[in-house]
Protein backbone atom coordinates (compact mmCIF):
# COMPACT_ATOMS: atom_id res chain seq x y z
CA UNK A 1 -13.28 49.13 42.39
CA UNK A 2 -9.92 50.33 42.88
CA UNK A 3 -6.24 49.50 42.35
CA UNK A 4 -5.74 47.79 45.35
CA UNK A 5 -8.26 45.11 43.97
CA UNK A 6 -7.22 42.11 42.19
CA UNK A 7 -9.45 40.02 40.29
CA UNK A 8 -8.19 36.36 39.07
CA UNK A 9 -10.52 35.24 36.33
CA UNK A 10 -9.81 31.94 35.11
CA UNK A 11 -12.74 31.10 32.48
CA UNK A 12 -11.77 30.50 28.91
CA UNK A 13 -15.25 32.79 27.75
CA UNK A 14 -15.69 36.21 28.58
CA UNK A 15 -19.71 35.42 28.63
CA UNK A 16 -19.83 32.61 30.43
CA UNK A 17 -21.95 32.13 33.98
CA UNK A 18 -18.33 32.90 35.71
CA UNK A 19 -18.25 36.26 33.97
CA UNK A 20 -21.75 37.09 34.61
CA UNK A 21 -21.66 36.13 38.35
CA UNK A 22 -18.77 38.21 38.51
CA UNK A 23 -20.73 41.27 37.10
CA UNK A 24 -23.73 40.72 39.13
CA UNK A 25 -21.32 40.62 42.48
CA UNK A 26 -19.26 43.38 41.85
CA UNK A 27 -20.35 45.23 38.69
CA UNK A 28 -18.09 46.69 35.95
CA UNK A 29 -14.74 45.97 37.77
CA UNK A 30 -13.22 48.98 36.18
CA UNK A 31 -10.05 50.31 38.36
CA UNK A 32 -9.22 46.56 39.50
CA UNK A 33 -6.29 44.70 38.18
CA UNK A 34 -7.51 42.18 36.03
CA UNK A 35 -5.70 39.05 35.46
CA UNK A 36 -7.07 36.56 33.19
CA UNK A 37 -5.44 33.02 33.26
CA UNK A 38 -6.70 31.70 30.42
CA UNK A 39 -5.19 34.77 27.98
CA UNK A 40 -1.89 34.87 30.04
CA UNK A 41 -1.51 31.40 30.65
CA UNK A 42 0.81 31.50 33.59
CA UNK A 43 4.23 29.22 33.30
CA UNK A 44 3.75 26.16 35.64
CA UNK A 45 5.69 25.66 38.72
CA UNK A 46 8.28 22.78 38.62
CA UNK A 47 10.03 23.24 41.77
CA UNK A 48 13.45 24.29 40.04
CA UNK A 49 14.57 25.57 43.44
CA UNK A 50 15.25 29.59 42.38
CA UNK A 51 12.88 30.64 45.24
CA UNK A 52 14.51 28.58 47.79
CA UNK A 53 17.68 30.50 47.37
CA UNK A 54 16.48 33.80 46.63
CA UNK A 55 13.20 36.11 46.75
CA UNK A 56 11.27 35.66 43.43
CA UNK A 57 10.96 33.24 40.79
CA UNK A 58 12.72 32.19 38.21
CA UNK A 59 10.39 33.09 35.82
CA UNK A 60 9.24 36.60 34.97
CA UNK A 61 5.80 35.90 33.64
CA UNK A 62 4.27 36.64 36.83
CA UNK A 63 6.26 39.88 37.80
CA UNK A 64 3.46 42.55 37.17
CA UNK A 65 0.66 40.16 38.77
CA UNK A 66 2.87 39.67 41.91
CA UNK A 67 3.44 43.47 42.29
CA UNK A 68 -0.06 44.19 42.03
CA UNK A 69 -1.11 41.25 44.12
CA UNK A 70 1.45 42.28 47.17
CA UNK A 71 -0.02 45.91 47.01
CA UNK A 72 -3.63 44.41 47.11
CA UNK A 73 -6.23 44.94 49.83
CA UNK A 74 -8.80 42.91 48.18
CA UNK A 75 -8.63 39.56 45.91
CA UNK A 76 -11.73 38.16 43.70
CA UNK A 77 -11.34 34.60 42.20
CA UNK A 78 -13.73 33.80 39.52
CA UNK A 79 -13.61 30.47 38.11
CA UNK A 80 -15.59 27.48 36.99
CA UNK A 81 -14.71 24.20 38.46
CA UNK A 82 -13.25 21.90 36.41
CA UNK A 83 -13.56 18.40 37.52
CA UNK A 84 -14.04 18.78 40.97
CA UNK A 85 -10.98 21.36 41.01
CA UNK A 86 -9.14 24.71 39.45
CA UNK A 87 -8.66 25.19 35.71
CA UNK A 88 -5.26 24.44 34.72
CA UNK A 89 -4.27 27.99 34.29
CA UNK A 90 -5.29 28.85 37.69
CA UNK A 91 -3.60 25.70 38.96
CA UNK A 92 -0.73 27.05 37.64
CA UNK A 93 -1.29 30.38 38.71
CA UNK A 94 -1.86 28.97 42.79
CA UNK A 95 1.28 26.60 42.70
CA UNK A 96 3.19 29.70 41.68
CA UNK A 97 2.48 30.96 45.07
CA UNK A 98 5.45 28.23 46.17
CA UNK A 99 7.66 31.29 45.65
CA UNK A 100 6.07 33.26 48.89
CA UNK A 101 6.04 29.34 50.89
CA UNK A 102 9.89 29.21 50.47
CA UNK A 103 10.11 32.68 51.38
CA UNK A 104 8.30 31.75 54.80
CA UNK A 105 9.38 28.61 55.61
CA UNK A 106 13.36 28.37 53.80
CA UNK A 107 14.17 32.49 53.74
CA UNK A 108 12.62 32.50 57.21
CA UNK A 109 10.78 36.22 55.58
CA UNK A 110 8.17 36.99 58.01
CA UNK A 111 5.33 37.40 56.66
CA UNK A 112 6.30 36.37 53.04
CA UNK A 113 3.97 38.66 51.81
CA UNK A 114 3.00 42.44 53.66
CA UNK A 115 -0.61 43.07 54.49
CA UNK A 116 -4.03 41.45 54.78
CA UNK A 117 -6.44 40.82 51.92
CA UNK A 118 -10.02 40.10 51.97
CA UNK A 119 -11.05 37.46 49.32
CA UNK A 120 -14.04 36.34 47.71
CA UNK A 121 -14.27 33.44 45.46
CA UNK A 122 -16.97 33.20 42.83
CA UNK A 123 -17.15 29.26 41.24
CA UNK A 124 -19.97 28.13 38.67
CA UNK A 125 -20.40 24.42 38.17
CA UNK A 126 -22.06 22.50 35.67
CA UNK A 127 -23.07 19.72 37.91
CA UNK A 128 -25.77 19.69 40.38
CA UNK A 129 -23.26 18.64 43.15
CA UNK A 130 -22.05 21.16 45.53
CA UNK A 131 -18.03 21.38 45.18
CA UNK A 132 -17.40 24.43 46.88
CA UNK A 133 -15.50 22.86 50.09
CA UNK A 134 -13.01 20.87 47.91
CA UNK A 135 -12.15 23.57 45.59
CA UNK A 136 -11.74 25.81 48.70
CA UNK A 137 -9.26 23.43 50.19
CA UNK A 138 -7.16 23.58 47.16
CA UNK A 139 -6.68 27.34 47.58
CA UNK A 140 -6.18 27.25 51.31
CA UNK A 141 -2.50 26.85 51.46
CA UNK A 142 -2.23 29.71 49.03
CA UNK A 143 -4.60 32.07 51.38
CA UNK A 144 -2.57 31.29 54.43
CA UNK A 145 0.77 32.08 52.94
CA UNK A 146 -0.20 35.48 51.17
CA UNK A 147 -2.16 37.01 54.22
CA UNK A 148 -5.50 36.36 52.36
CA UNK A 149 -8.97 35.53 53.93
CA UNK A 150 -11.71 34.30 52.74
CA UNK A 151 -14.43 36.51 53.27
CA UNK A 152 -17.38 35.25 51.33
CA UNK A 153 -17.81 32.46 48.46
CA UNK A 154 -20.55 31.98 45.53
CA UNK A 155 -21.37 29.02 44.14
CA UNK A 156 -23.56 28.58 40.93
CA UNK A 157 -24.22 24.68 40.18
CA UNK A 158 -25.96 22.83 37.36
CA UNK A 159 -25.14 25.37 34.77
CA UNK A 160 -24.44 22.37 32.23
CA UNK A 161 -28.83 22.23 32.61
CA UNK A 162 -29.59 25.91 32.17
């Protein structure tokens, strides 16, 4: 791993199935920028309009994250699926990508985020149902506006019964 890799970790547990999947697929992840959504608890977007008038966000809690993300060439998402969707802290982070949407479509910055990023999505799910497609659809708008391209995804389902 290198400093151009951003890991977005959204499990409340350090020893979860999500953590084990991340370690299995990518090793110890040393050198990468590790953003833990449950520890950081990003402020939710409430459409204040700030990013419609200038680049950026009214809240500064994600400034370092945005800086690392914009320099990244690889992004790894690792999270459990909650109620057929993203865990709340990850959803708050994804919603804050609205600043890039407004940079592109309101402020006419093209592209709103320079560079391309390959994306890996690692998901775990307590149920036996394959919920990957519906969850990936929730991430797609964020990918599109930020130069992200899904390379691979992994799903471990049925963790409630393991």
